[in-house]
Amino acid sequence: MLTEPADAEESAHSRSVDLYQRGHAVFPGGVTRATIDRDPHPIYAARGEGAFLVDVDDARLLDLNNNFTTLLHGHGYEPVMEAVSALLSTGTCFSNPTRHEIALAELLTSRIPSVERIRFVNTGTEAVMFAIKAARAFTGRSAIARFAGAYHGAYDWAEAGQNGFEADDAGRRKARLAYQGAPNAVANDVLVLDFNDADAVEDALTANADRLAAVLIDPMPSRAGLIAPTRDFIDRLTAVAGRHGILIIADEVLNLRQSFAGASARYGLKPDLLVAGKVIGGGFPIGAVGGSATVMAVFGGDRRSPLVSQGGTFSANPVSMVAGRVAMEAATPAMFDRLEQQGNRLRAQLAEIARNHRAPFSVTGAASLFRLHPKAEPPRSWAAAAQTPGEAATMRSLSRFLRAEGILLPHDAAACLSSPMTDADLDQVSAAFDKFLASHRFASQEAQL
């Protein structure tokens, strides 16, 4: 249990501190999502206003989290609010299908090149789970390959290997399980690879081809550093997977916001299955698995005959379908171009500020996404992106400083822009970062003097 607020940080957020204390009485750890920043306590939201979040202590914060990149149009986007309000009086969920799910499916299949057929679920975790099941059913194989450090939700086979691997007695890689008590058999069916290591990936997939159903890839894995794939890596992954009948599953739950057609199209990846979520729900719960008509046929249409049964009481609920359609209709090529220009500008400004201060910070990302790293050089691998305890403390200090400057920056996740943000908003971010570096000294600075 927390003690009474003792410092300026807690005094300025006394209502959030009180709510956190109450939360400890009903939630393990005080909150109901492990991803919530608790440094030293969560900031509880009262409402959202476009690019800004207003907390329960009436602080107005430029929101660079946007519910973990979900809110492409920021908070309270009026067209979505109007469409959902009009819908509510007609009902919120049915056991029957509605026209709204067809409309959103038509929109997504028309703009994502690899998606010919689609099925809706409620979360990104579900979407990844069903994509893996579909790949197994289609190939008749059980194992999957995935890249160390990437996050793919809470399905056991998607979690294994997120935190890397362990070497067995023969020196072979064994996926590190996500939690104590997870079945060891899970690790045996997960091959852990290194992102952008084309040679090693080609060798590993070839050696394990007879048991691999799919390779699961986030085209720019956020938790692994938000590092772009190289073209050689994408080309060789595609070639070796195709040669051995291994399906490629692109996890674009986060990265679909990289362009009008998504991240795979941006980087030349041609997946057999693609999973989406976040932005396609317009601020409401959603997930989707799509792909070629041939592979997606494993879901069938008759509950008595599909190879993979996929239901879900709230799947394709009309609220998410309507909100998603309206939000995605407003996500035009022009909007994506503007966000990309703003992202390029902000990343360049932040990198220049770090250089000017000779501070050990670098920036990665693309389009409307960015990550600040407490490292002099941009990391090129998950291992390089991992933070030491001192680096993690630096990022917590930065997040706290920016919060005091009116900016909400996730300290251990991708930051993102939203369509209502202005150039002036982003200049505020750059100015606050400059102020932070000016008020701190780093060991690398003194070494260069």
Protein backbone atom coordinates (compact mmCIF):
# COMPACT_ATOMS: atom_id res chain seq x y z
CA MET A 1 0.00 0.00 0.00
CA LEU A 2 1.25 3.48 -0.85
CA THR A 3 2.03 6.06 1.80
CA GLU A 4 0.66 9.58 1.71
CA PRO A 5 2.13 11.84 -1.01
CA ALA A 6 5.52 13.13 0.08
CA ASP A 7 7.08 14.94 -2.86
CA ALA A 8 6.03 17.53 -5.40
CA GLU A 9 5.24 14.88 -8.01
CA GLU A 10 2.73 13.12 -5.80
CA SER A 11 1.29 16.34 -4.38
CA ALA A 12 0.55 17.57 -7.90
CA HIS A 13 -1.31 14.33 -8.64
CA SER A 14 -3.02 13.72 -5.31
CA ARG A 15 -6.22 12.38 -6.87
CA SER A 16 -4.28 9.89 -8.99
CA VAL A 17 -2.40 8.77 -5.87
CA ASP A 18 -5.68 8.29 -4.02
CA LEU A 19 -7.14 6.24 -6.87
CA TYR A 20 -4.01 4.11 -6.99
CA GLN A 21 -4.38 3.40 -3.28
CA ARG A 22 -7.99 2.36 -3.86
CA GLY A 23 -6.91 0.21 -6.79
CA HIS A 24 -4.63 -1.83 -4.55
CA ALA A 25 -7.69 -3.06 -2.67
CA VAL A 26 -9.22 -4.65 -5.77
CA PHE A 27 -6.42 -5.21 -8.33
CA PRO A 28 -3.19 -7.19 -7.98
CA GLY A 29 -0.51 -4.53 -8.27
CA GLY A 30 -3.13 -1.79 -8.06
CA VAL A 31 -4.07 -1.72 -11.77
CA THR A 32 -5.81 -4.04 -14.20
CA ARG A 33 -3.30 -3.81 -17.08
CA ALA A 34 0.37 -4.71 -16.71
CA THR A 35 1.31 -2.13 -19.35
CA ILE A 36 0.23 0.88 -17.27
CA ASP A 37 3.09 3.24 -16.35
CA ARG A 38 3.45 3.33 -12.55
CA ASP A 39 6.30 5.73 -11.98
CA PRO A 40 5.75 6.24 -9.12
CA HIS A 41 1.99 5.88 -9.65
CA PRO A 42 -0.39 5.82 -12.64
CA ILE A 43 -1.80 9.05 -14.03
CA TYR A 44 -5.58 8.52 -14.03
CA ALA A 45 -7.44 9.98 -17.01
CA ALA A 46 -10.58 12.06 -16.63
CA ARG A 47 -11.21 12.82 -20.29
CA GLY A 48 -9.55 13.28 -23.67
CA GLU A 49 -9.63 16.32 -25.91
CA GLY A 50 -8.16 15.77 -29.35
CA ALA A 51 -4.37 15.52 -28.97
CA PHE A 52 -4.59 15.97 -25.20
CA LEU A 53 -5.42 13.89 -22.16
CA VAL A 54 -6.81 15.66 -19.07
CA ASP A 55 -6.10 13.78 -15.85
CA VAL A 56 -8.15 13.65 -12.65
CA ASP A 57 -5.98 16.44 -11.17
CA ASP A 58 -6.87 18.69 -14.14
CA ALA A 59 -3.43 18.54 -15.74
CA ARG A 60 -3.68 18.83 -19.54
CA LEU A 61 -1.08 16.61 -21.22
CA LEU A 62 -0.10 16.26 -24.88
CA ASP A 63 -0.71 12.54 -25.35
CA LEU A 64 2.13 10.73 -27.13
CA ASN A 65 0.80 7.36 -25.95
CA ASN A 66 -2.74 7.46 -27.43
CA ASN A 67 -3.68 4.24 -25.66
CA PHE A 68 -0.61 2.45 -26.94
CA THR A 69 -0.87 3.86 -30.50
CA THR A 70 -4.60 3.05 -30.87
CA LEU A 71 -6.00 6.57 -31.27
CA LEU A 72 -4.97 7.62 -34.76
CA HIS A 73 -7.32 10.62 -34.54
CA GLY A 74 -6.71 11.39 -30.89
CA HIS A 75 -9.38 11.56 -28.21
CA GLY A 76 -13.09 12.18 -28.75
CA TYR A 77 -12.89 12.24 -32.55
CA GLU A 78 -16.20 13.87 -33.44
CA PRO A 79 -17.21 11.78 -36.50
CA VAL A 80 -16.71 8.58 -34.48
CA MET A 81 -18.59 9.97 -31.48
CA GLU A 82 -21.52 11.00 -33.68
CA ALA A 83 -21.68 7.67 -35.49
CA VAL A 84 -21.51 5.64 -32.28
CA SER A 85 -24.08 7.85 -30.53
CA ALA A 86 -26.50 7.33 -33.41
CA LEU A 87 -25.92 3.59 -33.28
CA LEU A 88 -26.43 3.06 -29.53
CA SER A 89 -30.19 3.40 -29.62
CA THR A 90 -30.39 0.55 -32.14
CA GLY A 91 -28.47 -1.96 -30.00
CA THR A 92 -24.87 -2.72 -29.14
CA CYS A 93 -24.45 -6.44 -29.82
CA PHE A 94 -26.35 -9.29 -31.41
CA SER A 95 -25.89 -12.99 -32.05
CA ASN A 96 -26.79 -12.13 -35.64
CA PRO A 97 -24.40 -10.50 -38.12
CA THR A 98 -24.91 -6.87 -39.13
CA ARG A 99 -24.17 -4.84 -42.24
CA HIS A 100 -21.59 -2.87 -40.27
CA GLU A 101 -19.10 -5.75 -40.19
CA ILE A 102 -19.31 -6.11 -43.96
CA ALA A 103 -18.66 -2.40 -44.47
CA LEU A 104 -15.49 -2.42 -42.35
CA ALA A 105 -14.31 -5.66 -43.96
CA GLU A 106 -14.83 -4.18 -47.43
CA LEU A 107 -12.79 -1.11 -46.47
CA LEU A 108 -9.87 -3.12 -45.07
CA THR A 109 -9.71 -5.66 -47.89
CA SER A 110 -9.75 -2.81 -50.41
CA ARG A 111 -6.65 -1.12 -49.00
CA ILE A 112 -4.42 -3.87 -47.52
CA PRO A 113 -2.90 -5.78 -50.46
CA SER A 114 -2.41 -9.12 -48.66
CA VAL A 115 -5.93 -9.28 -47.21
CA GLU A 116 -8.53 -10.92 -49.45
CA ARG A 117 -10.68 -12.34 -46.65
CA ILE A 118 -10.96 -11.25 -43.02
CA ARG A 119 -12.44 -12.33 -39.67
CA PHE A 120 -13.01 -10.01 -36.71
CA VAL A 121 -12.16 -10.73 -33.08
CA ASN A 122 -11.86 -8.49 -30.02
CA THR A 123 -8.14 -8.04 -29.37
CA GLY A 124 -4.75 -8.24 -31.00
CA THR A 125 -3.94 -11.24 -28.81
CA GLU A 126 -6.92 -13.13 -30.23
CA ALA A 127 -5.98 -12.14 -33.77
CA VAL A 128 -2.45 -13.54 -33.38
CA MET A 129 -3.78 -16.69 -31.73
CA PHE A 130 -6.20 -17.41 -34.57
CA ALA A 131 -3.58 -16.61 -37.20
CA ILE A 132 -1.25 -19.19 -35.65
CA LYS A 133 -4.08 -21.72 -35.51
CA ALA A 134 -4.93 -21.01 -39.15
CA ALA A 135 -1.32 -21.55 -40.20
CA ARG A 136 -1.18 -24.85 -38.35
CA ALA A 137 -4.44 -26.04 -39.87
CA PHE A 138 -3.36 -25.04 -43.36
CA THR A 139 0.12 -26.61 -43.22
CA GLY A 140 -0.48 -29.50 -40.86
CA ARG A 141 2.61 -28.44 -38.87
CA SER A 142 2.66 -27.23 -35.27
CA ALA A 143 5.81 -25.15 -34.66
CA ILE A 144 6.25 -21.45 -35.30
CA ALA A 145 9.24 -19.15 -35.66
CA ARG A 146 9.30 -15.67 -34.13
CA PHE A 147 11.78 -12.88 -33.46
CA ALA A 148 13.32 -12.20 -30.08
CA GLY A 149 12.00 -9.13 -28.31
CA ALA A 150 8.85 -8.65 -30.37
CA TYR A 151 5.51 -8.51 -28.59
CA HIS A 152 2.63 -10.54 -30.02
CA GLY A 153 0.10 -10.67 -27.19
CA ALA A 154 -0.60 -13.20 -24.45
CA TYR A 155 -1.12 -16.49 -26.33
CA ASP A 156 1.41 -19.00 -24.94
CA TRP A 157 3.06 -19.71 -28.29
CA ALA A 158 3.19 -16.00 -29.12
CA GLU A 159 4.71 -15.08 -25.74
CA ALA A 160 7.42 -17.73 -25.67
CA GLY A 161 10.64 -16.20 -26.94
CA GLN A 162 9.56 -12.61 -26.39
CA ASN A 163 12.36 -12.33 -23.86
CA GLY A 164 14.83 -14.26 -25.96
CA PHE A 165 16.06 -17.79 -25.59
CA GLU A 166 18.14 -20.14 -23.48
CA ALA A 167 20.70 -22.61 -24.77
CA ASP A 168 19.97 -26.28 -24.10
CA ASP A 169 22.63 -28.89 -23.31
CA ALA A 170 23.48 -29.21 -27.00
CA GLY A 171 23.83 -25.45 -27.42
CA ARG A 172 20.57 -25.13 -29.34
CA ARG A 173 18.22 -22.21 -28.77
CA LYS A 174 15.19 -22.86 -26.60
CA ALA A 175 12.52 -20.17 -26.35
CA ARG A 176 12.38 -18.56 -22.94
CA LEU A 177 8.93 -19.12 -21.49
CA ALA A 178 6.89 -16.10 -20.47
CA TYR A 179 5.90 -17.23 -16.97
CA GLN A 180 6.65 -19.87 -14.38
CA GLY A 181 4.58 -22.98 -14.98
CA ALA A 182 4.15 -22.50 -18.72
CA PRO A 183 4.31 -25.90 -20.43
CA ASN A 184 7.83 -26.79 -21.57
CA ALA A 185 6.26 -28.24 -24.70
CA VAL A 186 5.45 -24.69 -25.79
CA ALA A 187 9.14 -23.78 -25.92
CA ASN A 188 9.85 -26.87 -28.02
CA ASP A 189 7.51 -25.57 -30.73
CA VAL A 190 8.83 -21.99 -30.85
CA LEU A 191 11.96 -21.17 -32.84
CA VAL A 192 13.52 -17.86 -31.77
CA LEU A 193 15.25 -15.80 -34.48
CA ASP A 194 17.11 -12.49 -34.60
CA PHE A 195 15.50 -9.64 -36.52
CA ASN A 196 17.43 -8.47 -39.61
CA ASP A 197 19.89 -11.39 -39.43
CA ALA A 198 19.12 -12.75 -42.89
CA ASP A 199 21.80 -15.45 -42.93
CA ALA A 200 20.82 -16.96 -39.58
CA VAL A 201 17.11 -16.77 -40.41
CA GLU A 202 17.58 -18.55 -43.72
CA ASP A 203 19.64 -21.31 -42.06
CA ALA A 204 17.22 -21.79 -39.16
CA LEU A 205 14.08 -21.89 -41.29
CA THR A 206 15.66 -24.32 -43.70
CA ALA A 207 16.82 -26.64 -40.91
CA ASN A 208 13.37 -26.67 -39.27
CA ALA A 209 11.18 -26.44 -42.36
CA ASP A 210 9.44 -29.78 -41.89
CA ARG A 211 7.92 -28.71 -38.56
CA LEU A 212 7.29 -25.00 -39.05
CA ALA A 213 3.77 -23.81 -39.81
CA ALA A 214 4.62 -20.11 -39.88
CA VAL A 215 7.06 -17.36 -39.09
CA LEU A 216 5.48 -14.58 -37.02
CA ILE A 217 6.90 -11.14 -37.71
CA ASP A 218 6.15 -7.58 -36.72
CA PRO A 219 7.56 -5.54 -39.63
CA MET A 220 8.95 -2.96 -37.13
CA PRO A 221 8.75 -4.49 -33.65
CA SER A 222 8.07 -1.79 -31.07
CA ARG A 223 9.28 -3.50 -27.92
CA ALA A 224 12.35 -4.72 -29.75
CA GLY A 225 13.39 -1.12 -30.42
CA LEU A 226 11.19 0.10 -33.29
CA ILE A 227 13.94 -0.84 -35.74
CA ALA A 228 13.23 -0.91 -39.48
CA PRO A 229 13.75 -4.13 -41.45
CA THR A 230 16.37 -4.20 -44.17
CA ARG A 231 15.24 -5.02 -47.69
CA ASP A 232 17.65 -7.97 -47.93
CA PHE A 233 16.21 -9.42 -44.73
CA ILE A 234 12.62 -9.12 -46.01
CA ASP A 235 13.49 -10.54 -49.43
CA ARG A 236 15.36 -13.54 -48.07
CA LEU A 237 12.76 -14.27 -45.40
CA THR A 238 10.07 -14.25 -48.07
CA ALA A 239 12.09 -16.48 -50.38
CA VAL A 240 13.01 -19.14 -47.82
CA ALA A 241 9.51 -19.27 -46.34
CA GLY A 242 7.99 -19.66 -49.78
CA ARG A 243 10.49 -22.33 -50.74
CA HIS A 244 9.54 -24.50 -47.77
CA GLY A 245 5.82 -23.80 -47.56
CA ILE A 246 6.15 -21.85 -44.30
CA LEU A 247 3.44 -19.20 -43.99
CA ILE A 248 4.36 -15.63 -43.09
CA ILE A 249 2.14 -13.99 -40.47
CA ALA A 250 2.57 -10.21 -40.30
CA ASP A 251 1.59 -8.78 -36.93
CA GLU A 252 0.45 -5.25 -37.74
CA VAL A 253 -1.68 -4.70 -34.66
CA LEU A 254 0.51 -1.68 -33.88
CA ASN A 255 2.20 -0.95 -37.19
CA LEU A 256 -0.79 -0.84 -39.52
CA ARG A 257 -0.75 2.91 -38.77
CA GLN A 258 2.49 3.28 -40.76
CA SER A 259 0.73 3.89 -44.07
CA PHE A 260 -2.58 3.79 -45.91
CA ALA A 261 -1.88 0.15 -46.83
CA GLY A 262 -0.03 -0.77 -43.62
CA ALA A 263 3.55 -1.68 -42.76
CA SER A 264 4.01 -4.84 -44.82
CA ALA A 265 3.24 -2.95 -48.01
CA ARG A 266 5.66 -0.23 -46.92
CA TYR A 267 8.57 -2.66 -46.51
CA GLY A 268 7.86 -5.06 -49.34
CA LEU A 269 6.67 -7.93 -47.15
CA LYS A 270 3.99 -10.15 -48.71
CA PRO A 271 2.43 -12.12 -45.85
CA ASP A 272 0.05 -15.03 -46.16
CA LEU A 273 -1.79 -13.85 -43.06
CA LEU A 274 -1.95 -10.40 -41.46
CA VAL A 275 -3.29 -9.47 -38.05
CA ALA A 276 -4.58 -6.01 -37.20
CA GLY A 277 -6.15 -4.17 -34.30
CA LYS A 278 -5.84 -0.85 -32.47
CA VAL A 279 -6.45 1.84 -35.15
CA ILE A 280 -9.04 -0.21 -37.06
CA GLY A 281 -11.46 0.00 -34.11
CA GLY A 282 -11.71 3.78 -33.87
CA GLY A 283 -11.05 3.67 -30.12
CA PHE A 284 -13.11 0.55 -29.36
CA PRO A 285 -11.96 -3.06 -28.76
CA ILE A 286 -11.11 -4.92 -31.95
CA GLY A 287 -8.81 -7.38 -33.62
CA ALA A 288 -8.75 -8.95 -37.06
CA VAL A 289 -7.02 -11.75 -38.91
CA GLY A 290 -6.95 -11.60 -42.68
CA GLY A 291 -5.06 -13.05 -45.59
CA SER A 292 -5.35 -14.85 -48.87
CA ALA A 293 -8.67 -16.47 -49.68
CA THR A 294 -6.93 -19.84 -49.89
CA VAL A 295 -5.45 -19.75 -46.38
CA MET A 296 -8.45 -18.02 -44.79
CA ALA A 297 -10.66 -20.85 -46.05
CA VAL A 298 -9.60 -22.85 -42.97
CA PHE A 299 -12.15 -20.80 -41.02
CA GLY A 300 -14.91 -21.90 -43.39
CA GLY A 301 -18.40 -20.56 -43.01
CA ASP A 302 -20.25 -23.49 -41.49
CA ARG A 303 -19.59 -24.19 -37.83
CA ARG A 304 -19.76 -27.92 -38.54
CA SER A 305 -16.99 -27.95 -41.13
CA PRO A 306 -14.15 -25.41 -40.58
CA LEU A 307 -10.67 -26.62 -39.71
CA VAL A 308 -10.44 -23.75 -37.21
CA SER A 309 -13.51 -22.66 -35.26
CA GLN A 310 -13.49 -18.93 -34.50
CA GLY A 311 -16.38 -17.32 -32.67
CA GLY A 312 -16.44 -14.82 -29.83
CA THR A 313 -19.52 -13.32 -28.17
CA PHE A 314 -18.44 -9.76 -28.92
CA SER A 315 -16.57 -10.36 -32.17
CA ALA A 316 -17.72 -7.95 -34.90
CA ASN A 317 -19.91 -6.06 -32.44
CA PRO A 318 -21.54 -3.16 -34.30
CA VAL A 319 -20.04 -0.44 -32.05
CA SER A 320 -16.47 -1.38 -32.94
CA MET A 321 -17.42 -1.97 -36.57
CA VAL A 322 -19.02 1.47 -37.02
CA ALA A 323 -16.32 3.31 -35.07
CA GLY A 324 -13.61 1.52 -37.01
CA ARG A 325 -15.14 2.23 -40.38
CA VAL A 326 -15.56 5.95 -39.67
CA ALA A 327 -12.04 6.27 -38.27
CA MET A 328 -10.47 4.41 -41.19
CA GLU A 329 -12.44 6.35 -43.79
CA ALA A 330 -10.88 9.50 -42.34
CA ALA A 331 -7.41 7.90 -42.48
CA THR A 332 -6.76 9.03 -46.04
CA PRO A 333 -3.47 8.95 -47.94
CA ALA A 334 -3.21 12.71 -47.38
CA MET A 335 -3.59 12.24 -43.62
CA PHE A 336 -0.89 9.55 -43.56
CA ASP A 337 1.42 11.79 -45.63
CA ARG A 338 0.98 14.66 -43.19
CA LEU A 339 1.64 12.45 -40.16
CA GLU A 340 4.73 11.05 -41.86
CA GLN A 341 6.08 14.53 -42.54
CA GLN A 342 5.46 15.52 -38.94
CA GLY A 343 7.10 12.31 -37.71
CA ASN A 344 10.16 12.89 -39.89
CA ARG A 345 10.43 16.44 -38.62
CA LEU A 346 10.11 15.49 -34.95
CA ARG A 347 12.58 12.58 -35.17
CA ALA A 348 15.12 14.83 -36.89
CA GLN A 349 14.66 17.58 -34.29
CA LEU A 350 15.07 15.22 -31.36
CA ALA A 351 18.20 13.65 -32.86
CA GLU A 352 19.71 17.07 -33.54
CA ILE A 353 19.00 18.25 -30.00
CA ALA A 354 20.74 15.17 -28.58
CA ARG A 355 23.77 15.81 -30.81
CA ASN A 356 23.91 19.47 -29.82
CA HIS A 357 24.03 18.50 -26.15
CA ARG A 358 26.38 15.60 -26.85
CA ALA A 359 23.91 13.54 -24.87
CA PRO A 360 23.59 9.75 -25.21
CA PHE A 361 20.19 9.70 -26.88
CA SER A 362 19.10 8.40 -30.27
CA VAL A 363 15.80 8.05 -32.11
CA THR A 364 14.22 5.21 -34.10
CA GLY A 365 10.86 4.79 -35.79
CA ALA A 366 8.95 5.66 -38.94
CA ALA A 367 5.79 7.44 -40.05
CA SER A 368 3.87 8.53 -36.94
CA LEU A 369 5.90 6.34 -34.54
CA PHE A 370 9.11 7.06 -32.65
CA ARG A 371 11.19 5.82 -29.74
CA LEU A 372 13.83 7.68 -27.80
CA HIS A 373 16.72 5.48 -26.68
CA PRO A 374 19.14 6.46 -23.91
CA LYS A 375 22.01 5.40 -26.18
CA ALA A 376 24.38 7.45 -28.30
CA GLU A 377 23.82 5.28 -31.39
CA PRO A 378 20.43 4.02 -32.63
CA PRO A 379 20.19 0.32 -31.73
CA ARG A 380 20.15 -2.14 -34.61
CA SER A 381 18.94 -5.19 -32.71
CA TRP A 382 16.72 -6.17 -29.80
CA ALA A 383 19.78 -6.96 -27.69
CA ALA A 384 21.26 -3.54 -28.41
CA ALA A 385 17.95 -1.83 -27.61
CA ALA A 386 17.70 -3.47 -24.18
CA GLN A 387 18.28 -0.94 -21.41
CA THR A 388 20.65 -1.21 -18.50
CA PRO A 389 19.20 -0.28 -15.08
CA GLY A 390 20.86 3.12 -15.40
CA GLU A 391 19.40 3.69 -18.85
CA ALA A 392 15.93 2.68 -17.65
CA ALA A 393 16.25 5.17 -14.80
CA THR A 394 17.20 7.87 -17.31
CA MET A 395 14.07 7.18 -19.36
CA ARG A 396 11.89 7.30 -16.24
CA SER A 397 13.48 10.62 -15.37
CA LEU A 398 12.77 11.92 -18.88
CA SER A 399 9.14 10.79 -18.76
CA ARG A 400 8.64 12.49 -15.40
CA PHE A 401 10.28 15.69 -16.63
CA LEU A 402 8.13 15.81 -19.76
CA ARG A 403 5.01 15.13 -17.72
CA ALA A 404 5.81 18.21 -15.64
CA GLU A 405 6.14 20.07 -18.96
CA GLY A 406 2.66 18.93 -20.04
CA ILE A 407 3.66 15.95 -22.22
CA LEU A 408 2.74 12.30 -21.72
CA LEU A 409 5.60 10.16 -23.09
CA PRO A 410 5.63 6.38 -22.55
CA HIS A 411 9.03 5.50 -21.14
CA ASP A 412 9.11 1.89 -22.30
CA ALA A 413 6.94 1.80 -25.42
CA ALA A 414 6.55 3.42 -28.80
CA ALA A 415 5.41 7.04 -28.78
CA CYS A 416 3.07 8.17 -31.53
CA LEU A 417 1.47 11.15 -33.16
CA SER A 418 -2.24 11.65 -33.82
CA SER A 419 -3.98 13.54 -36.57
CA PRO A 420 -5.09 16.53 -34.43
CA MET A 421 -1.49 17.30 -33.41
CA THR A 422 -0.04 20.51 -34.80
CA ASP A 423 3.52 21.48 -35.60
CA ALA A 424 3.38 23.72 -32.52
CA ASP A 425 2.53 20.68 -30.38
CA LEU A 426 5.56 18.83 -31.71
CA ASP A 427 7.78 21.88 -31.22
CA GLN A 428 6.68 21.74 -27.58
CA VAL A 429 8.03 18.18 -27.38
CA SER A 430 11.36 19.24 -28.89
CA ALA A 431 11.65 22.26 -26.60
CA ALA A 432 10.94 20.15 -23.50
CA PHE A 433 13.51 17.55 -24.56
CA ASP A 434 16.05 20.33 -25.09
CA LYS A 435 15.25 21.68 -21.63
CA PHE A 436 15.67 18.24 -20.07
CA LEU A 437 19.09 17.72 -21.63
CA ALA A 438 20.18 21.21 -20.64
CA SER A 439 19.34 20.46 -17.03
CA HIS A 440 21.13 17.11 -16.87
CA ARG A 441 24.73 16.03 -17.26
CA PHE A 442 25.67 12.66 -18.70
CA ALA A 443 28.87 10.68 -18.38
CA SER A 444 29.39 10.70 -22.15
CA GLN A 445 29.34 14.50 -22.15
CA GLU A 446 32.15 14.79 -19.67
CA ALA A 447 34.18 12.15 -21.51
CA GLN A 448 34.09 14.31 -24.64
CA LEU A 449 35.10 17.57 -22.96
